[in-house]
Amino acid sequence: MSVHLHRDLENLKARILDMGAMVETAVNKAITSLIDRRPELASEVLDGDDAIDECEVAIEVECQKILALHQPVASDLRVILTVLKVNNDLERAGDLAANLAERAADLAAKPALKFPAQLEQMAERTRAILRDSLDAFVQQDTRLAREVRERDDEIDELNREVFRAGEEAMRADGGAINRLLQLLSCARQMERIADLATNIAEDVVFLVEGTVIRHRRQV
């Protein structure tokens, strides 16, 4: 690897880690704004969404420059391809955090609902799976990445349980239907964030081993 390519790849890694930190902060704030009814945190998430978008574009441009200037191969090429995929997943997770924040702010302005216990479990597991997927990326830890991948099914099941609880609550209280629909949408945003965290974990395996495990159940 040339000195210039090494320098550019290290700078690229630093930028994607900064973006990961931004997105993790946005997701944590959005979830806290929902659970604790703190609309000011939702506003912070929405105000910061443009910065995440700008970071995503800058990283993509940087990847294009490195590909054009250095024409990397083998593991160096995998780094760039992985960064491109993780970059896209992080930007989408940032958008989902913004969607969650919008719904959290709207719910905070209305009478409080009793959250299904599964929703708070989803919230904590969504935080954890995103954090661990990013840790796996930083440490290039394929063991942790595979563990993250397996935990996604737990969040999917919690999402189904939240929907069943929401349907029961709608039947019991017709006046709460609009708020409950917002709540179910929040659960859906968290489930999708967990899916994106799983994508990142799968990309870690590709980065380290050169193996594509997406769409495969056990590898």
N, C-alpha and C. Protein backbone atom coordinates (compact mmCIF):
# COMPACT_ATOMS: atom_id res chain seq x y z
N MET A 1 0.84 -1.19 0.00
CA MET A 1 0.00 0.00 0.00
C MET A 1 0.88 1.25 0.00
N SER A 2 0.59 2.21 -0.87
CA SER A 2 1.37 3.45 -0.90
C SER A 2 1.06 4.28 0.35
N VAL A 3 1.99 5.17 0.65
CA VAL A 3 1.82 6.05 1.81
C VAL A 3 0.56 6.90 1.64
N HIS A 4 0.34 7.39 0.43
CA HIS A 4 -0.81 8.26 0.19
C HIS A 4 -2.13 7.49 0.32
N LEU A 5 -2.17 6.26 -0.18
CA LEU A 5 -3.37 5.46 -0.05
C LEU A 5 -3.64 5.14 1.41
N HIS A 6 -2.59 4.78 2.14
CA HIS A 6 -2.75 4.49 3.57
C HIS A 6 -3.33 5.70 4.31
N ARG A 7 -2.78 6.87 4.02
CA ARG A 7 -3.26 8.10 4.66
C ARG A 7 -4.72 8.35 4.32
N ASP A 8 -5.08 8.21 3.06
CA ASP A 8 -6.46 8.47 2.64
C ASP A 8 -7.44 7.47 3.26
N LEU A 9 -7.02 6.20 3.36
CA LEU A 9 -7.90 5.20 3.97
C LEU A 9 -8.09 5.47 5.46
N GLU A 10 -7.03 5.87 6.13
CA GLU A 10 -7.15 6.19 7.56
C GLU A 10 -8.08 7.39 7.78
N ASN A 11 -7.96 8.39 6.92
CA ASN A 11 -8.85 9.54 7.02
C ASN A 11 -10.31 9.13 6.76
N LEU A 12 -10.49 8.23 5.80
CA LEU A 12 -11.83 7.75 5.47
C LEU A 12 -12.44 7.00 6.65
N LYS A 13 -11.64 6.15 7.27
CA LYS A 13 -12.12 5.41 8.44
C LYS A 13 -12.52 6.37 9.56
N ALA A 14 -11.72 7.39 9.77
CA ALA A 14 -12.03 8.36 10.83
C ALA A 14 -13.35 9.07 10.55
N ARG A 15 -13.59 9.39 9.29
CA ARG A 15 -14.82 10.10 8.94
C ARG A 15 -16.05 9.22 9.12
N ILE A 16 -15.94 7.93 8.76
CA ILE A 16 -17.11 7.06 8.92
C ILE A 16 -17.37 6.79 10.40
N LEU A 17 -16.32 6.76 11.22
CA LEU A 17 -16.52 6.59 12.66
C LEU A 17 -17.19 7.83 13.26
N ASP A 18 -16.81 9.01 12.77
CA ASP A 18 -17.47 10.23 13.24
C ASP A 18 -18.95 10.20 12.88
N MET A 19 -19.25 9.74 11.68
CA MET A 19 -20.65 9.67 11.27
C MET A 19 -21.40 8.65 12.12
N GLY A 20 -20.76 7.53 12.41
CA GLY A 20 -21.39 6.53 13.27
C GLY A 20 -21.74 7.11 14.63
N ALA A 21 -20.84 7.91 15.18
CA ALA A 21 -21.10 8.54 16.48
C ALA A 21 -22.28 9.51 16.39
N MET A 22 -22.36 10.26 15.29
CA MET A 22 -23.47 11.19 15.10
C MET A 22 -24.81 10.46 15.05
N VAL A 23 -24.82 9.37 14.30
CA VAL A 23 -26.07 8.62 14.14
C VAL A 23 -26.46 7.94 15.45
N GLU A 24 -25.49 7.37 16.14
CA GLU A 24 -25.80 6.73 17.42
C GLU A 24 -26.37 7.75 18.40
N THR A 25 -25.80 8.93 18.43
CA THR A 25 -26.33 9.99 19.31
C THR A 25 -27.75 10.35 18.91
N ALA A 26 -28.02 10.47 17.61
CA ALA A 26 -29.36 10.82 17.15
C ALA A 26 -30.37 9.75 17.55
N VAL A 27 -30.00 8.49 17.37
CA VAL A 27 -30.92 7.39 17.72
C VAL A 27 -31.18 7.40 19.23
N ASN A 28 -30.14 7.56 20.02
CA ASN A 28 -30.33 7.58 21.47
C ASN A 28 -31.23 8.73 21.90
N LYS A 29 -31.02 9.90 21.32
CA LYS A 29 -31.86 11.05 21.68
C LYS A 29 -33.31 10.84 21.25
N ALA A 30 -33.50 10.28 20.06
CA ALA A 30 -34.86 10.05 19.57
C ALA A 30 -35.60 9.06 20.46
N ILE A 31 -34.92 8.01 20.87
CA ILE A 31 -35.56 7.02 21.75
C ILE A 31 -35.86 7.62 23.12
N THR A 32 -34.92 8.37 23.65
CA THR A 32 -35.15 9.02 24.95
C THR A 32 -36.30 10.02 24.87
N SER A 33 -36.38 10.73 23.75
CA SER A 33 -37.47 11.71 23.59
C SER A 33 -38.82 11.02 23.60
N LEU A 34 -38.88 9.79 23.07
CA LEU A 34 -40.13 9.03 23.08
C LEU A 34 -40.45 8.49 24.46
N ILE A 35 -39.51 7.79 25.06
CA ILE A 35 -39.76 7.11 26.33
C ILE A 35 -39.99 8.10 27.47
N ASP A 36 -39.20 9.17 27.49
CA ASP A 36 -39.26 10.13 28.60
C ASP A 36 -40.09 11.37 28.28
N ARG A 37 -40.72 11.40 27.08
CA ARG A 37 -41.55 12.55 26.69
C ARG A 37 -40.74 13.85 26.79
N ARG A 38 -39.65 13.91 26.03
CA ARG A 38 -38.77 15.07 26.03
C ARG A 38 -38.67 15.64 24.62
N PRO A 39 -39.60 16.50 24.25
CA PRO A 39 -39.62 17.03 22.88
C PRO A 39 -38.39 17.85 22.52
N GLU A 40 -37.69 18.40 23.52
CA GLU A 40 -36.50 19.18 23.20
C GLU A 40 -35.41 18.30 22.58
N LEU A 41 -35.36 17.04 23.01
CA LEU A 41 -34.41 16.11 22.41
C LEU A 41 -34.81 15.76 20.97
N ALA A 42 -36.11 15.64 20.76
CA ALA A 42 -36.59 15.39 19.40
C ALA A 42 -36.18 16.54 18.48
N SER A 43 -36.28 17.76 18.96
CA SER A 43 -35.87 18.92 18.16
C SER A 43 -34.39 18.88 17.83
N GLU A 44 -33.58 18.43 18.78
CA GLU A 44 -32.14 18.33 18.53
C GLU A 44 -31.86 17.30 17.42
N VAL A 45 -32.59 16.20 17.44
CA VAL A 45 -32.41 15.19 16.40
C VAL A 45 -32.77 15.75 15.03
N LEU A 46 -33.89 16.43 14.96
CA LEU A 46 -34.34 16.98 13.68
C LEU A 46 -33.39 18.07 13.19
N ASP A 47 -32.88 18.89 14.11
CA ASP A 47 -31.95 19.95 13.72
C ASP A 47 -30.63 19.37 13.21
N GLY A 48 -30.26 18.18 13.70
CA GLY A 48 -28.97 17.60 13.32
C GLY A 48 -29.03 16.70 12.10
N ASP A 49 -30.21 16.49 11.55
CA ASP A 49 -30.34 15.54 10.43
C ASP A 49 -29.59 16.02 9.19
N ASP A 50 -29.59 17.31 8.93
CA ASP A 50 -28.89 17.83 7.75
C ASP A 50 -27.39 17.56 7.84
N ALA A 51 -26.83 17.65 9.05
CA ALA A 51 -25.40 17.41 9.22
C ALA A 51 -25.05 15.96 8.88
N ILE A 52 -25.94 15.03 9.24
CA ILE A 52 -25.71 13.62 8.90
C ILE A 52 -25.77 13.43 7.39
N ASP A 53 -26.74 14.06 6.76
CA ASP A 53 -26.86 13.96 5.30
C ASP A 53 -25.61 14.51 4.61
N GLU A 54 -25.12 15.65 5.08
CA GLU A 54 -23.93 16.26 4.49
C GLU A 54 -22.70 15.36 4.68
N CYS A 55 -22.62 14.74 5.84
CA CYS A 55 -21.50 13.83 6.11
C CYS A 55 -21.55 12.63 5.17
N GLU A 56 -22.76 12.10 4.94
CA GLU A 56 -22.91 10.96 4.04
C GLU A 56 -22.43 11.29 2.64
N VAL A 57 -22.80 12.46 2.14
CA VAL A 57 -22.38 12.87 0.80
C VAL A 57 -20.86 13.05 0.75
N ALA A 58 -20.29 13.68 1.78
CA ALA A 58 -18.84 13.92 1.79
C ALA A 58 -18.06 12.62 1.80
N ILE A 59 -18.53 11.63 2.54
CA ILE A 59 -17.84 10.34 2.59
C ILE A 59 -17.94 9.63 1.25
N GLU A 60 -19.09 9.69 0.61
CA GLU A 60 -19.24 9.07 -0.70
C GLU A 60 -18.30 9.70 -1.72
N VAL A 61 -18.21 11.02 -1.69
CA VAL A 61 -17.30 11.72 -2.61
C VAL A 61 -15.85 11.31 -2.33
N GLU A 62 -15.49 11.19 -1.06
CA GLU A 62 -14.14 10.80 -0.71
C GLU A 62 -13.83 9.38 -1.20
N CYS A 63 -14.79 8.49 -1.09
CA CYS A 63 -14.60 7.13 -1.62
C CYS A 63 -14.36 7.15 -3.13
N GLN A 64 -15.12 7.96 -3.83
CA GLN A 64 -14.95 8.06 -5.27
C GLN A 64 -13.56 8.58 -5.63
N LYS A 65 -13.09 9.55 -4.87
CA LYS A 65 -11.75 10.11 -5.12
C LYS A 65 -10.67 9.05 -4.91
N ILE A 66 -10.79 8.29 -3.85
CA ILE A 66 -9.78 7.27 -3.56
C ILE A 66 -9.78 6.19 -4.65
N LEU A 67 -10.97 5.80 -5.08
CA LEU A 67 -11.06 4.79 -6.15
C LEU A 67 -10.40 5.30 -7.43
N ALA A 68 -10.65 6.56 -7.75
CA ALA A 68 -10.12 7.13 -8.99
C ALA A 68 -8.62 7.34 -8.92
N LEU A 69 -8.11 7.80 -7.78
CA LEU A 69 -6.70 8.16 -7.66
C LEU A 69 -5.79 6.94 -7.46
N HIS A 70 -6.28 5.97 -6.67
CA HIS A 70 -5.39 4.89 -6.24
C HIS A 70 -5.71 3.53 -6.85
N GLN A 71 -6.91 3.37 -7.38
CA GLN A 71 -7.33 2.09 -7.95
C GLN A 71 -6.96 0.92 -7.02
N PRO A 72 -7.47 0.95 -5.79
CA PRO A 72 -7.09 -0.07 -4.80
C PRO A 72 -7.62 -1.45 -5.17
N VAL A 73 -6.97 -2.48 -4.64
CA VAL A 73 -7.38 -3.87 -4.87
C VAL A 73 -7.41 -4.60 -3.54
N ALA A 74 -7.94 -5.82 -3.58
CA ALA A 74 -7.92 -6.75 -2.44
C ALA A 74 -8.50 -6.09 -1.19
N SER A 75 -7.80 -6.19 -0.06
CA SER A 75 -8.35 -5.72 1.22
C SER A 75 -8.59 -4.21 1.22
N ASP A 76 -7.76 -3.46 0.51
CA ASP A 76 -7.96 -2.01 0.45
C ASP A 76 -9.27 -1.67 -0.27
N LEU A 77 -9.55 -2.40 -1.31
CA LEU A 77 -10.81 -2.20 -2.02
C LEU A 77 -11.99 -2.57 -1.14
N ARG A 78 -11.85 -3.64 -0.34
CA ARG A 78 -12.93 -4.04 0.57
C ARG A 78 -13.22 -2.95 1.60
N VAL A 79 -12.18 -2.27 2.04
CA VAL A 79 -12.39 -1.18 2.99
C VAL A 79 -13.32 -0.12 2.38
N ILE A 80 -13.02 0.27 1.17
CA ILE A 80 -13.82 1.32 0.52
C ILE A 80 -15.24 0.85 0.25
N LEU A 81 -15.39 -0.37 -0.24
CA LEU A 81 -16.73 -0.90 -0.50
C LEU A 81 -17.53 -1.00 0.79
N THR A 82 -16.87 -1.41 1.87
CA THR A 82 -17.56 -1.51 3.16
C THR A 82 -17.97 -0.13 3.67
N VAL A 83 -17.07 0.83 3.56
CA VAL A 83 -17.40 2.18 4.01
C VAL A 83 -18.59 2.73 3.22
N LEU A 84 -18.62 2.48 1.92
CA LEU A 84 -19.76 2.95 1.11
C LEU A 84 -21.07 2.36 1.61
N LYS A 85 -21.07 1.06 1.93
CA LYS A 85 -22.29 0.41 2.38
C LYS A 85 -22.69 0.88 3.78
N VAL A 86 -21.71 0.94 4.67
CA VAL A 86 -21.99 1.40 6.04
C VAL A 86 -22.46 2.85 6.03
N ASN A 87 -21.84 3.65 5.18
CA ASN A 87 -22.22 5.06 5.05
C ASN A 87 -23.70 5.20 4.68
N ASN A 88 -24.13 4.39 3.72
CA ASN A 88 -25.53 4.43 3.30
C ASN A 88 -26.46 3.97 4.42
N ASP A 89 -26.08 2.90 5.11
CA ASP A 89 -26.92 2.39 6.20
C ASP A 89 -27.01 3.39 7.35
N LEU A 90 -25.91 4.06 7.64
CA LEU A 90 -25.93 5.06 8.71
C LEU A 90 -26.82 6.24 8.36
N GLU A 91 -26.74 6.69 7.11
CA GLU A 91 -27.60 7.81 6.71
C GLU A 91 -29.07 7.44 6.82
N ARG A 92 -29.40 6.22 6.42
CA ARG A 92 -30.79 5.75 6.54
C ARG A 92 -31.20 5.64 8.00
N ALA A 93 -30.30 5.19 8.86
CA ALA A 93 -30.60 5.12 10.29
C ALA A 93 -30.83 6.52 10.85
N GLY A 94 -30.06 7.49 10.36
CA GLY A 94 -30.28 8.87 10.78
C GLY A 94 -31.64 9.37 10.38
N ASP A 95 -32.08 9.02 9.17
CA ASP A 95 -33.43 9.41 8.72
C ASP A 95 -34.50 8.77 9.60
N LEU A 96 -34.29 7.50 9.96
CA LEU A 96 -35.27 6.82 10.82
C LEU A 96 -35.30 7.45 12.21
N ALA A 97 -34.13 7.87 12.70
CA ALA A 97 -34.10 8.57 13.99
C ALA A 97 -34.90 9.87 13.91
N ALA A 98 -34.79 10.56 12.79
CA ALA A 98 -35.57 11.80 12.60
C ALA A 98 -37.06 11.49 12.55
N ASN A 99 -37.43 10.41 11.84
CA ASN A 99 -38.85 10.02 11.81
C ASN A 99 -39.35 9.70 13.21
N LEU A 100 -38.56 8.96 13.95
CA LEU A 100 -38.92 8.61 15.32
C LEU A 100 -39.07 9.86 16.18
N ALA A 101 -38.15 10.80 16.01
CA ALA A 101 -38.19 12.04 16.78
C ALA A 101 -39.46 12.85 16.47
N GLU A 102 -39.86 12.90 15.21
CA GLU A 102 -41.08 13.61 14.84
C GLU A 102 -42.30 13.02 15.57
N ARG A 103 -42.38 11.70 15.58
CA ARG A 103 -43.51 11.04 16.23
C ARG A 103 -43.44 11.21 17.74
N ALA A 104 -42.24 11.17 18.28
CA ALA A 104 -42.08 11.36 19.73
C ALA A 104 -42.52 12.76 20.15
N ALA A 105 -42.16 13.76 19.35
CA ALA A 105 -42.56 15.13 19.67
C ALA A 105 -44.07 15.29 19.61
N ASP A 106 -44.69 14.65 18.61
CA ASP A 106 -46.14 14.73 18.48
C ASP A 106 -46.82 14.04 19.66
N LEU A 107 -46.32 12.89 20.07
CA LEU A 107 -46.92 12.17 21.20
C LEU A 107 -46.73 12.95 22.50
N ALA A 108 -45.60 13.63 22.65
CA ALA A 108 -45.34 14.38 23.88
C ALA A 108 -46.30 15.54 24.05
N ALA A 109 -46.88 16.00 22.93
CA ALA A 109 -47.83 17.12 22.99
C ALA A 109 -49.26 16.65 23.27
N LYS A 110 -49.45 15.34 23.38
CA LYS A 110 -50.79 14.78 23.61
C LYS A 110 -50.82 14.03 24.94
N PRO A 111 -52.01 13.68 25.41
CA PRO A 111 -52.08 12.93 26.67
C PRO A 111 -51.23 11.66 26.61
N ALA A 112 -50.60 11.36 27.73
CA ALA A 112 -49.65 10.24 27.77
C ALA A 112 -50.36 8.90 27.58
N LEU A 113 -49.68 7.99 26.89
CA LEU A 113 -50.14 6.62 26.75
C LEU A 113 -49.31 5.72 27.66
N LYS A 114 -49.91 4.63 28.08
CA LYS A 114 -49.14 3.61 28.78
C LYS A 114 -48.46 2.76 27.73
N PHE A 115 -47.13 2.79 27.71
CA PHE A 115 -46.38 2.03 26.71
C PHE A 115 -46.42 0.54 27.03
N PRO A 116 -46.57 -0.30 26.01
CA PRO A 116 -46.40 -1.74 26.24
C PRO A 116 -44.98 -2.01 26.75
N ALA A 117 -44.86 -2.95 27.66
CA ALA A 117 -43.53 -3.27 28.21
C ALA A 117 -42.55 -3.63 27.10
N GLN A 118 -43.07 -4.27 26.05
CA GLN A 118 -42.19 -4.70 24.96
C GLN A 118 -41.57 -3.51 24.22
N LEU A 119 -42.26 -2.36 24.23
CA LEU A 119 -41.72 -1.20 23.53
C LEU A 119 -40.44 -0.71 24.20
N GLU A 120 -40.45 -0.65 25.53
CA GLU A 120 -39.25 -0.22 26.23
C GLU A 120 -38.13 -1.23 26.06
N GLN A 121 -38.46 -2.52 26.01
CA GLN A 121 -37.45 -3.53 25.72
C GLN A 121 -36.88 -3.33 24.32
N MET A 122 -37.75 -3.04 23.36
CA MET A 122 -37.29 -2.75 22.00
C MET A 122 -36.34 -1.57 21.98
N ALA A 123 -36.69 -0.54 22.73
CA ALA A 123 -35.88 0.67 22.77
C ALA A 123 -34.46 0.36 23.24
N GLU A 124 -34.36 -0.38 24.35
CA GLU A 124 -33.04 -0.69 24.89
C GLU A 124 -32.26 -1.61 23.97
N ARG A 125 -32.93 -2.57 23.36
CA ARG A 125 -32.22 -3.50 22.48
C ARG A 125 -31.82 -2.83 21.17
N THR A 126 -32.61 -1.86 20.73
CA THR A 126 -32.22 -1.11 19.53
C THR A 126 -30.98 -0.28 19.79
N ARG A 127 -30.94 0.38 20.93
CA ARG A 127 -29.72 1.12 21.30
C ARG A 127 -28.51 0.18 21.31
N ALA A 128 -28.71 -0.98 21.95
CA ALA A 128 -27.59 -1.91 22.15
C ALA A 128 -27.09 -2.50 20.84
N ILE A 129 -28.03 -2.86 19.96
CA ILE A 129 -27.60 -3.52 18.71
C ILE A 129 -26.88 -2.53 17.80
N LEU A 130 -27.30 -1.27 17.80
CA LEU A 130 -26.59 -0.27 17.01
C LEU A 130 -25.21 -0.02 17.60
N ARG A 131 -25.15 0.13 18.91
CA ARG A 131 -23.85 0.35 19.56
C ARG A 131 -22.89 -0.80 19.28
N ASP A 132 -23.38 -2.03 19.40
CA ASP A 132 -22.50 -3.18 19.23
C ASP A 132 -22.08 -3.37 17.77
N SER A 133 -22.97 -3.04 16.84
CA SER A 133 -22.58 -3.15 15.43
C SER A 133 -21.47 -2.16 15.10
N LEU A 134 -21.55 -0.97 15.67
CA LEU A 134 -20.50 0.02 15.45
C LEU A 134 -19.21 -0.38 16.14
N ASP A 135 -19.33 -0.96 17.34
CA ASP A 135 -18.13 -1.47 18.03
C ASP A 135 -17.47 -2.57 17.20
N ALA A 136 -18.29 -3.45 16.63
CA ALA A 136 -17.75 -4.53 15.80
C ALA A 136 -17.01 -3.95 14.60
N PHE A 137 -17.55 -2.88 14.03
CA PHE A 137 -16.90 -2.23 12.89
C PHE A 137 -15.57 -1.61 13.30
N VAL A 138 -15.57 -0.90 14.41
CA VAL A 138 -14.35 -0.25 14.87
C VAL A 138 -13.26 -1.28 15.16
N GLN A 139 -13.64 -2.36 15.83
CA GLN A 139 -12.68 -3.37 16.27
C GLN A 139 -12.46 -4.47 15.23
N GLN A 140 -13.24 -4.42 14.14
CA GLN A 140 -13.22 -5.48 13.13
C GLN A 140 -13.39 -6.85 13.80
N ASP A 141 -14.41 -6.90 14.66
CA ASP A 141 -14.69 -8.08 15.49
C ASP A 141 -15.80 -8.89 14.84
N THR A 142 -15.44 -9.94 14.13
CA THR A 142 -16.45 -10.74 13.44
C THR A 142 -17.29 -11.58 14.40
N ARG A 143 -16.73 -11.93 15.55
CA ARG A 143 -17.53 -12.67 16.54
C ARG A 143 -18.69 -11.81 17.02
N LEU A 144 -18.39 -10.56 17.39
CA LEU A 144 -19.44 -9.64 17.83
C LEU A 144 -20.41 -9.36 16.69
N ALA A 145 -19.89 -9.23 15.48
CA ALA A 145 -20.76 -8.96 14.33
C ALA A 145 -21.77 -10.08 14.14
N ARG A 146 -21.32 -11.31 14.24
CA ARG A 146 -22.24 -12.44 14.07
C ARG A 146 -23.25 -12.51 15.22
N GLU A 147 -22.82 -12.13 16.42
CA GLU A 147 -23.74 -12.09 17.56
C GLU A 147 -24.83 -11.05 17.33
N VAL A 148 -24.44 -9.88 16.85
CA VAL A 148 -25.41 -8.82 16.53
C VAL A 148 -26.43 -9.34 15.53
N ARG A 149 -25.95 -10.01 14.53
CA ARG A 149 -26.82 -10.52 13.47
C ARG A 149 -27.90 -11.45 14.03
N GLU A 150 -27.51 -12.29 14.99
CA GLU A 150 -28.48 -13.22 15.56
C GLU A 150 -29.50 -12.52 16.45
N ARG A 151 -29.12 -11.40 17.05
CA ARG A 151 -30.02 -10.69 17.97
C ARG A 151 -31.14 -9.94 17.25
N ASP A 152 -31.00 -9.75 15.96
CA ASP A 152 -32.03 -9.01 15.22
C ASP A 152 -33.39 -9.71 15.29
N ASP A 153 -33.40 -11.04 15.34
CA ASP A 153 -34.67 -11.77 15.42
C ASP A 153 -35.42 -11.44 16.70
N GLU A 154 -34.70 -11.18 17.79
CA GLU A 154 -35.34 -10.84 19.06
C GLU A 154 -36.12 -9.52 18.93
N ILE A 155 -35.53 -8.56 18.24
CA ILE A 155 -36.19 -7.27 18.07
C ILE A 155 -37.39 -7.41 17.14
N ASP A 156 -37.26 -8.23 16.11
CA ASP A 156 -38.40 -8.48 15.23
C ASP A 156 -39.58 -9.05 16.02
N GLU A 157 -39.30 -9.98 16.92
CA GLU A 157 -40.36 -10.59 17.72
C GLU A 157 -40.98 -9.58 18.68
N LEU A 158 -40.15 -8.74 19.29
CA LEU A 158 -40.68 -7.69 20.16
C LEU A 158 -41.58 -6.73 19.37
N ASN A 159 -41.19 -6.44 18.14
CA ASN A 159 -42.02 -5.56 17.30
C ASN A 159 -43.39 -6.18 17.06
N ARG A 160 -43.41 -7.48 16.80
CA ARG A 160 -44.70 -8.16 16.60
C ARG A 160 -45.54 -8.11 17.89
N GLU A 161 -44.88 -8.26 19.03
CA GLU A 161 -45.60 -8.22 20.30
C GLU A 161 -46.16 -6.82 20.57
N VAL A 162 -45.40 -5.81 20.23
CA VAL A 162 -45.89 -4.44 20.39
C VAL A 162 -47.12 -4.21 19.53
N PHE A 163 -47.11 -4.71 18.30
CA PHE A 163 -48.26 -4.53 17.42
C PHE A 163 -49.48 -5.26 17.97
N ARG A 164 -49.28 -6.45 18.51
CA ARG A 164 -50.42 -7.17 19.09
C ARG A 164 -50.98 -6.41 20.29
N ALA A 165 -50.09 -5.87 21.12
CA ALA A 165 -50.54 -5.10 22.28
C ALA A 165 -51.24 -3.82 21.83
N GLY A 166 -50.73 -3.20 20.77
CA GLY A 166 -51.36 -1.99 20.25
C GLY A 166 -52.76 -2.25 19.72
N GLU A 167 -52.92 -3.36 19.01
CA GLU A 167 -54.25 -3.72 18.49
C GLU A 167 -55.24 -3.93 19.63
N GLU A 168 -54.80 -4.60 20.69
CA GLU A 168 -55.68 -4.81 21.85
C GLU A 168 -56.05 -3.48 22.50
N ALA A 169 -55.09 -2.58 22.60
CA ALA A 169 -55.36 -1.27 23.21
C ALA A 169 -56.33 -0.46 22.36
N MET A 170 -56.25 -0.58 21.04
CA MET A 170 -57.18 0.14 20.17
C MET A 170 -58.60 -0.36 20.36
N ARG A 171 -58.74 -1.67 20.52
CA ARG A 171 -60.07 -2.22 20.73
C ARG A 171 -60.64 -1.77 22.07
N ALA A 172 -59.76 -1.58 23.04
CA ALA A 172 -60.21 -1.20 24.38
C ALA A 172 -60.50 0.29 24.49
N ASP A 173 -59.81 1.12 23.68
CA ASP A 173 -59.96 2.57 23.80
C ASP A 173 -59.91 3.20 22.42
N GLY A 174 -61.07 3.34 21.80
CA GLY A 174 -61.14 3.91 20.45
C GLY A 174 -60.62 5.33 20.38
N GLY A 175 -60.68 6.07 21.48
CA GLY A 175 -60.22 7.45 21.48
C GLY A 175 -58.71 7.59 21.40
N ALA A 176 -58.02 6.49 21.62
CA ALA A 176 -56.55 6.54 21.61
C ALA A 176 -55.96 6.01 20.31
N ILE A 177 -56.81 5.74 19.33
CA ILE A 177 -56.31 5.07 18.12
C ILE A 177 -55.20 5.86 17.43
N ASN A 178 -55.38 7.16 17.25
CA ASN A 178 -54.37 7.96 16.55
C ASN A 178 -53.03 7.93 17.27
N ARG A 179 -53.08 8.07 18.60
CA ARG A 179 -51.84 8.04 19.37
C ARG A 179 -51.19 6.65 19.32
N LEU A 180 -52.02 5.63 19.37
CA LEU A 180 -51.49 4.27 19.31
C LEU A 180 -50.86 3.97 17.94
N LEU A 181 -51.45 4.50 16.89
CA LEU A 181 -50.85 4.33 15.57
C LEU A 181 -49.48 5.00 15.50
N GLN A 182 -49.37 6.17 16.12
CA GLN A 182 -48.08 6.84 16.18
C GLN A 182 -47.07 5.99 16.94
N LEU A 183 -47.53 5.38 18.02
CA LEU A 183 -46.66 4.55 18.83
C LEU A 183 -46.19 3.31 18.06
N LEU A 184 -47.11 2.72 17.32
CA LEU A 184 -46.73 1.56 16.51
C LEU A 184 -45.74 1.96 15.42
N SER A 185 -45.90 3.15 14.89
CA SER A 185 -44.93 3.64 13.90
C SER A 185 -43.55 3.81 14.54
N CYS A 186 -43.52 4.26 15.79
CA CYS A 186 -42.24 4.39 16.50
C CYS A 186 -41.56 3.04 16.61
N ALA A 187 -42.35 2.02 16.96
CA ALA A 187 -41.79 0.67 17.06
C ALA A 187 -41.22 0.23 15.71
N ARG A 188 -41.93 0.56 14.66
CA ARG A 188 -41.46 0.19 13.32
C ARG A 188 -40.15 0.88 12.98
N GLN A 189 -40.00 2.16 13.37
CA GLN A 189 -38.75 2.87 13.10
C GLN A 189 -37.60 2.18 13.83
N MET A 190 -37.83 1.78 15.08
CA MET A 190 -36.77 1.11 15.84
C MET A 190 -36.40 -0.23 15.21
N GLU A 191 -37.42 -0.97 14.77
CA GLU A 191 -37.15 -2.26 14.14
C GLU A 191 -36.31 -2.09 12.88
N ARG A 192 -36.57 -1.04 12.12
CA ARG A 192 -35.80 -0.79 10.91
C ARG A 192 -34.38 -0.33 11.23
N ILE A 193 -34.21 0.43 12.30
CA ILE A 193 -32.85 0.81 12.73
C ILE A 193 -32.05 -0.44 13.09
N ALA A 194 -32.70 -1.37 13.78
CA ALA A 194 -32.03 -2.63 14.12
C ALA A 194 -31.64 -3.41 12.87
N ASP A 195 -32.50 -3.38 11.85
CA ASP A 195 -32.17 -4.04 10.59
C ASP A 195 -30.91 -3.44 9.97
N LEU A 196 -30.81 -2.12 10.02
CA LEU A 196 -29.64 -1.45 9.45
C LEU A 196 -28.38 -1.76 10.27
N ALA A 197 -28.53 -1.85 11.58
CA ALA A 197 -27.40 -2.25 12.42
C ALA A 197 -26.93 -3.64 12.05
N THR A 198 -27.88 -4.51 11.74
CA THR A 198 -27.54 -5.88 11.31
C THR A 198 -26.79 -5.85 9.98
N ASN A 199 -27.22 -4.98 9.07
CA ASN A 199 -26.49 -4.82 7.80
C ASN A 199 -25.03 -4.44 8.06
N ILE A 200 -24.82 -3.52 9.00
CA ILE A 200 -23.46 -3.08 9.32
C ILE A 200 -22.65 -4.25 9.86
N ALA A 201 -23.26 -5.05 10.72
CA ALA A 201 -22.57 -6.22 11.26
C ALA A 201 -22.17 -7.18 10.15
N GLU A 202 -23.06 -7.37 9.20
CA GLU A 202 -22.74 -8.26 8.07
C GLU A 202 -21.61 -7.68 7.23
N ASP A 203 -21.57 -6.36 7.12
CA ASP A 203 -20.50 -5.73 6.36
C ASP A 203 -19.15 -5.89 7.06
N VAL A 204 -19.17 -5.99 8.39
CA VAL A 204 -17.92 -6.22 9.12
C VAL A 204 -17.32 -7.57 8.72
N VAL A 205 -18.17 -8.59 8.60
CA VAL A 205 -17.68 -9.91 8.18
C VAL A 205 -17.09 -9.83 6.77
N PHE A 206 -17.76 -9.09 5.90
CA PHE A 206 -17.23 -8.91 4.54
C PHE A 206 -15.88 -8.21 4.57
N LEU A 207 -15.77 -7.17 5.39
CA LEU A 207 -14.53 -6.40 5.47
C LEU A 207 -13.37 -7.28 5.92
N VAL A 208 -13.60 -8.06 6.96
CA VAL A 208 -12.51 -8.84 7.57
C VAL A 208 -12.22 -10.12 6.79
N GLU A 209 -13.27 -10.81 6.38
CA GLU A 209 -13.11 -12.15 5.80
C GLU A 209 -13.31 -12.20 4.29
N GLY A 210 -13.89 -11.15 3.73
CA GLY A 210 -14.20 -11.17 2.31
C GLY A 210 -15.37 -12.07 1.98
N THR A 211 -16.19 -12.38 2.99
CA THR A 211 -17.33 -13.28 2.82
C THR A 211 -18.63 -12.50 2.89
N VAL A 212 -19.52 -12.71 1.92
CA VAL A 212 -20.83 -12.07 1.93
C VAL A 212 -21.81 -12.98 2.67
N ILE A 213 -22.32 -12.54 3.82
CA ILE A 213 -23.25 -13.39 4.58
C ILE A 213 -24.67 -12.83 4.58
N ARG A 214 -24.87 -11.71 3.92
CA ARG A 214 -26.23 -11.16 3.84
C ARG A 214 -27.14 -12.16 3.13
N HIS A 215 -28.35 -12.29 3.64
CA HIS A 215 -29.36 -13.21 3.12
C HIS A 215 -29.07 -14.68 3.45
N ARG A 216 -28.05 -14.93 4.26
CA ARG A 216 -27.76 -16.30 4.68
C ARG A 216 -27.99 -16.40 6.17
N ARG A 217 -28.69 -17.42 6.61
CA ARG A 217 -29.11 -17.50 8.00
C ARG A 217 -28.00 -17.83 8.97
N GLN A 218 -27.15 -18.79 8.66
CA GLN A 218 -26.09 -19.19 9.58
C GLN A 218 -24.78 -19.31 8.82
N VAL A 219 -23.80 -18.49 9.20
CA VAL A 219 -22.47 -18.58 8.59
C VAL A 219 -21.43 -18.43 9.69
